Amino acid sequence: MTPPFAANTLAECLAAYADELRTSGSPFAGEYDRLIDRLKAGSLGALAPAVGEAMPGFLLPDQDGHIVSLDGLLAAGPLVISFNRGHWCPFCRIELDALDAAHEDLARLGARVVSIMPDRQPYTRELARRFVHPLTILTDMDNDYALSLGLAMWVGAEVRALLVEDGTMLPHYQGSDAWVLPLPATFVLRQDGRVAARYVNPDFRERMEIADVIAALQS
């Protein structure tokens, strides 16, 4: 379970969890540092859609098995797209909890939130039940869409071994033994499908602040 943190911002919640990994002596802390160094060296995410560019379209199944298109989502208004590693990721759950808490502010601006992750529908349905407000979670099988945006990464042998030891079996969750995850990233889209703001950071322990999402929608 994701630990509760008394914090004012998403950044503080994420930092508190990262600090807890370190102080508890979790081996994930050091391996995540090394993985992130590798991702930064490879400039992962540099080719993802930039501000002002059109977001490439997609057709992906939601948690209930319905096929969802980007065009269909944008027909209802601006959109916040959050790429997440999976239902099992505490950092992703912290981020999605924060977006859920901001639902009313986002709805007043006409925006909805969509999460994209490689998990199969039994796991996305389970995750969707976590939230107070409805959340569309799309399954990106084999990370095809993330790969097309330059947002996919191999976890590496060391992190894979830790995940297996921890009981986090990505092949079972994803239906693939590639051990590939999306780089968490957030895109705020105008209704015309162009990127109004984005947050793409090889350090997946950090995410776009909710206030910045709202500011992008207001602008």
Protein backbone atom coordinates (compact mmCIF):
# COMPACT_ATOMS: atom_id res chain seq x y z
CA MET A 1 0.00 0.00 0.00
CA THR A 2 1.06 3.58 -0.56
CA PRO A 3 1.97 5.20 2.76
CA PRO A 4 -0.10 8.27 3.70
CA PHE A 5 1.91 11.47 3.98
CA ALA A 6 0.97 14.78 5.56
CA ALA A 7 2.19 17.06 2.80
CA ASN A 8 0.90 20.07 0.91
CA THR A 9 2.09 19.28 -2.60
CA LEU A 10 2.51 16.26 -4.82
CA ALA A 11 6.27 16.88 -4.88
CA GLU A 12 6.39 16.69 -1.08
CA CYS A 13 4.42 13.42 -1.04
CA LEU A 14 6.70 11.85 -3.65
CA ALA A 15 9.84 13.07 -1.88
CA ALA A 16 8.56 11.69 1.42
CA TYR A 17 8.11 8.24 -0.09
CA ALA A 18 11.53 8.35 -1.78
CA ASP A 19 13.06 9.36 1.57
CA GLU A 20 11.28 6.49 3.29
CA LEU A 21 12.85 4.04 0.82
CA ARG A 22 16.27 5.38 1.74
CA THR A 23 15.82 5.53 5.50
CA SER A 24 14.28 2.05 5.60
CA GLY A 25 17.33 0.64 3.82
CA SER A 26 15.31 -0.56 0.83
CA PRO A 27 17.62 -1.82 -1.94
CA PHE A 28 15.29 -0.13 -4.43
CA ALA A 29 16.62 3.30 -3.39
CA GLY A 30 20.15 2.73 -4.65
CA GLU A 31 19.11 0.74 -7.73
CA TYR A 32 16.61 3.43 -8.70
CA ASP A 33 19.42 6.00 -8.44
CA ARG A 34 21.56 3.94 -10.83
CA LEU A 35 18.65 3.28 -13.22
CA ILE A 36 17.79 6.98 -13.35
CA ASP A 37 21.42 7.88 -14.04
CA ARG A 38 21.30 5.48 -17.01
CA LEU A 39 18.05 6.99 -18.27
CA LYS A 40 19.43 10.52 -17.98
CA ALA A 41 22.59 9.53 -19.85
CA GLY A 42 20.41 8.17 -22.65
CA SER A 43 18.23 11.33 -22.69
CA LEU A 44 15.10 9.21 -22.35
CA GLY A 45 12.02 11.27 -23.13
CA ALA A 46 13.81 13.87 -25.23
CA LEU A 47 11.86 12.88 -28.35
CA ALA A 48 8.41 12.98 -26.73
CA PRO A 49 5.92 15.54 -28.11
CA ALA A 50 6.95 19.08 -27.20
CA VAL A 51 4.80 22.04 -26.23
CA GLY A 52 2.89 23.22 -29.30
CA GLU A 53 3.14 19.87 -31.10
CA ALA A 54 0.19 17.62 -31.81
CA MET A 55 -0.11 14.54 -29.63
CA PRO A 56 -0.13 11.41 -31.81
CA GLY A 57 -3.44 9.59 -31.80
CA PHE A 58 -4.18 6.25 -30.18
CA LEU A 59 -6.80 3.53 -29.91
CA LEU A 60 -6.47 1.78 -26.54
CA PRO A 61 -8.79 -0.31 -24.33
CA ASP A 62 -9.96 1.12 -21.03
CA GLN A 63 -10.41 -0.80 -17.77
CA ASP A 64 -13.86 -1.98 -18.93
CA GLY A 65 -12.66 -3.22 -22.33
CA HIS A 66 -14.01 -0.31 -24.36
CA ILE A 67 -11.77 1.00 -27.14
CA VAL A 68 -10.95 4.67 -26.53
CA SER A 69 -9.45 7.09 -29.05
CA LEU A 70 -7.58 10.31 -28.41
CA ASP A 71 -9.94 12.13 -30.78
CA GLY A 72 -12.94 10.86 -28.85
CA LEU A 73 -11.51 12.05 -25.54
CA LEU A 74 -10.65 15.48 -26.94
CA ALA A 75 -14.17 15.90 -28.30
CA ALA A 76 -15.26 16.46 -24.70
CA GLY A 77 -12.61 19.07 -23.86
CA PRO A 78 -8.95 19.46 -22.86
CA LEU A 79 -7.16 16.42 -21.54
CA VAL A 80 -4.51 15.47 -18.99
CA ILE A 81 -2.61 12.32 -19.98
CA SER A 82 -0.51 10.64 -17.29
CA PHE A 83 1.79 7.79 -18.28
CA ASN A 84 2.22 5.46 -15.30
CA ARG A 85 4.40 2.43 -14.64
CA GLY A 86 1.58 0.27 -13.29
CA HIS A 87 -0.97 -0.36 -10.58
CA TRP A 88 1.81 -1.69 -8.34
CA CYS A 89 3.94 1.50 -8.40
CA PRO A 90 3.69 3.60 -5.21
CA PHE A 91 4.95 6.74 -6.97
CA CYS A 92 2.21 6.37 -9.60
CA ARG A 93 -0.48 5.80 -7.01
CA ILE A 94 0.62 8.93 -5.15
CA GLU A 95 0.39 10.94 -8.37
CA LEU A 96 -3.01 9.55 -9.34
CA ASP A 97 -4.33 10.12 -5.81
CA ALA A 98 -3.32 13.78 -6.15
CA LEU A 99 -5.06 14.09 -9.52
CA ASP A 100 -8.14 12.44 -8.03
CA ALA A 101 -8.11 14.97 -5.17
CA ALA A 102 -7.96 17.78 -7.76
CA HIS A 103 -10.92 16.36 -9.73
CA GLU A 104 -13.29 19.25 -9.03
CA ASP A 105 -10.72 21.89 -9.99
CA LEU A 106 -9.93 20.03 -13.21
CA ALA A 107 -13.61 19.47 -14.01
CA ARG A 108 -14.34 23.18 -13.62
CA LEU A 109 -11.80 23.77 -16.38
CA GLY A 110 -13.52 21.19 -18.57
CA ALA A 111 -10.63 18.71 -18.34
CA ARG A 112 -10.54 15.01 -17.67
CA VAL A 113 -7.63 12.78 -16.67
CA VAL A 114 -6.50 9.64 -18.47
CA SER A 115 -3.83 7.27 -17.19
CA ILE A 116 -1.91 5.09 -19.66
CA MET A 117 -0.03 2.03 -18.39
CA PRO A 118 0.94 -1.43 -19.67
CA ASP A 119 -1.09 -3.40 -17.11
CA ARG A 120 -3.86 -5.73 -18.26
CA GLN A 121 -7.48 -4.93 -17.48
CA PRO A 122 -7.91 -7.01 -14.30
CA TYR A 123 -5.28 -4.77 -12.72
CA THR A 124 -6.46 -1.46 -14.21
CA ARG A 125 -10.03 -2.22 -13.02
CA GLU A 126 -8.70 -2.89 -9.54
CA LEU A 127 -6.73 0.36 -9.58
CA ALA A 128 -9.70 2.40 -10.82
CA ARG A 129 -11.70 1.32 -7.77
CA ARG A 130 -9.13 3.07 -5.58
CA PHE A 131 -10.26 6.56 -6.55
CA VAL A 132 -13.19 8.65 -5.38
CA HIS A 133 -13.90 10.01 -8.86
CA PRO A 134 -14.12 8.13 -12.16
CA LEU A 135 -10.75 7.69 -13.85
CA THR A 136 -10.13 6.30 -17.33
CA ILE A 137 -7.15 3.92 -17.31
CA LEU A 138 -5.97 2.74 -20.70
CA THR A 139 -3.90 -0.38 -21.33
CA ASP A 140 -0.90 0.15 -23.61
CA MET A 141 -0.12 -3.46 -24.48
CA ASP A 142 3.60 -4.11 -24.96
CA ASN A 143 4.12 -0.37 -24.37
CA ASP A 144 3.55 0.20 -28.09
CA TYR A 145 2.25 3.75 -27.69
CA ALA A 146 4.90 4.69 -25.13
CA LEU A 147 7.58 3.29 -27.45
CA SER A 148 6.25 5.39 -30.34
CA LEU A 149 6.72 8.50 -28.18
CA GLY A 150 10.19 7.56 -26.95
CA LEU A 151 8.87 6.93 -23.44
CA ALA A 152 9.71 3.26 -22.85
CA MET A 153 12.60 1.79 -20.86
CA TRP A 154 14.02 -1.59 -19.95
CA VAL A 155 14.18 -1.85 -16.17
CA GLY A 156 17.59 -3.52 -16.18
CA ALA A 157 18.72 -6.80 -14.64
CA GLU A 158 19.27 -5.38 -11.16
CA VAL A 159 15.85 -3.75 -10.79
CA ARG A 160 14.21 -6.79 -12.40
CA ALA A 161 15.78 -9.02 -9.73
CA LEU A 162 14.51 -6.74 -6.96
CA LEU A 163 11.02 -6.65 -8.42
CA VAL A 164 10.93 -10.45 -8.63
CA GLU A 165 12.14 -10.72 -5.03
CA ASP A 166 9.45 -8.24 -4.00
CA GLY A 167 6.76 -10.25 -5.79
CA THR A 168 6.15 -7.60 -8.44
CA MET A 169 5.78 -9.81 -11.48
CA LEU A 170 5.57 -7.52 -14.49
CA PRO A 171 5.15 -10.43 -16.98
CA HIS A 172 1.95 -11.44 -15.17
CA TYR A 173 0.63 -7.88 -14.95
CA GLN A 174 1.48 -7.01 -18.54
CA GLY A 175 1.21 -10.31 -20.39
CA SER A 176 4.77 -9.79 -21.63
CA ASP A 177 8.16 -10.88 -20.33
CA ALA A 178 10.02 -7.91 -21.83
CA TRP A 179 10.40 -6.11 -18.47
CA VAL A 180 9.77 -2.78 -20.16
CA LEU A 181 7.99 0.13 -18.49
CA PRO A 182 6.83 3.53 -19.68
CA LEU A 183 8.68 6.56 -18.40
CA PRO A 184 6.09 8.37 -16.28
CA ALA A 185 5.21 11.63 -18.00
CA THR A 186 2.33 14.10 -18.02
CA PHE A 187 0.91 15.93 -21.03
CA VAL A 188 -1.72 18.66 -20.80
CA LEU A 189 -3.53 18.84 -24.15
CA ARG A 190 -5.65 21.62 -25.54
CA GLN A 191 -8.88 20.51 -27.16
CA ASP A 192 -7.20 20.74 -30.57
CA GLY A 193 -4.82 17.98 -29.46
CA ARG A 194 -1.72 20.15 -29.16
CA VAL A 195 0.48 20.02 -26.08
CA ALA A 196 -0.10 23.01 -23.80
CA ALA A 197 2.37 21.77 -21.17
CA ARG A 198 4.31 18.63 -20.41
CA TYR A 199 6.48 17.07 -17.74
CA VAL A 200 8.98 14.48 -18.96
CA ASN A 201 11.73 13.60 -16.50
CA PRO A 202 13.99 10.52 -16.47
CA ASP A 203 13.69 10.64 -12.67
CA PHE A 204 10.36 8.80 -12.45
CA ARG A 205 10.19 9.58 -8.73
CA GLU A 206 9.20 13.14 -9.67
CA ARG A 207 5.96 14.15 -11.39
CA MET A 208 4.20 17.26 -12.71
CA GLU A 209 2.86 19.34 -9.86
CA ILE A 210 -0.95 19.62 -9.77
CA ALA A 211 -0.76 23.41 -9.62
CA ASP A 212 1.20 23.36 -12.88
CA VAL A 213 -1.42 21.14 -14.52
CA ILE A 214 -4.14 23.57 -13.48
CA ALA A 215 -2.10 26.60 -14.61
CA ALA A 216 -1.61 25.03 -18.04
CA LEU A 217 -5.35 24.42 -18.39
CA GLN A 218 -6.15 27.97 -17.30
CA SER A 219 -3.78 29.42 -19.88
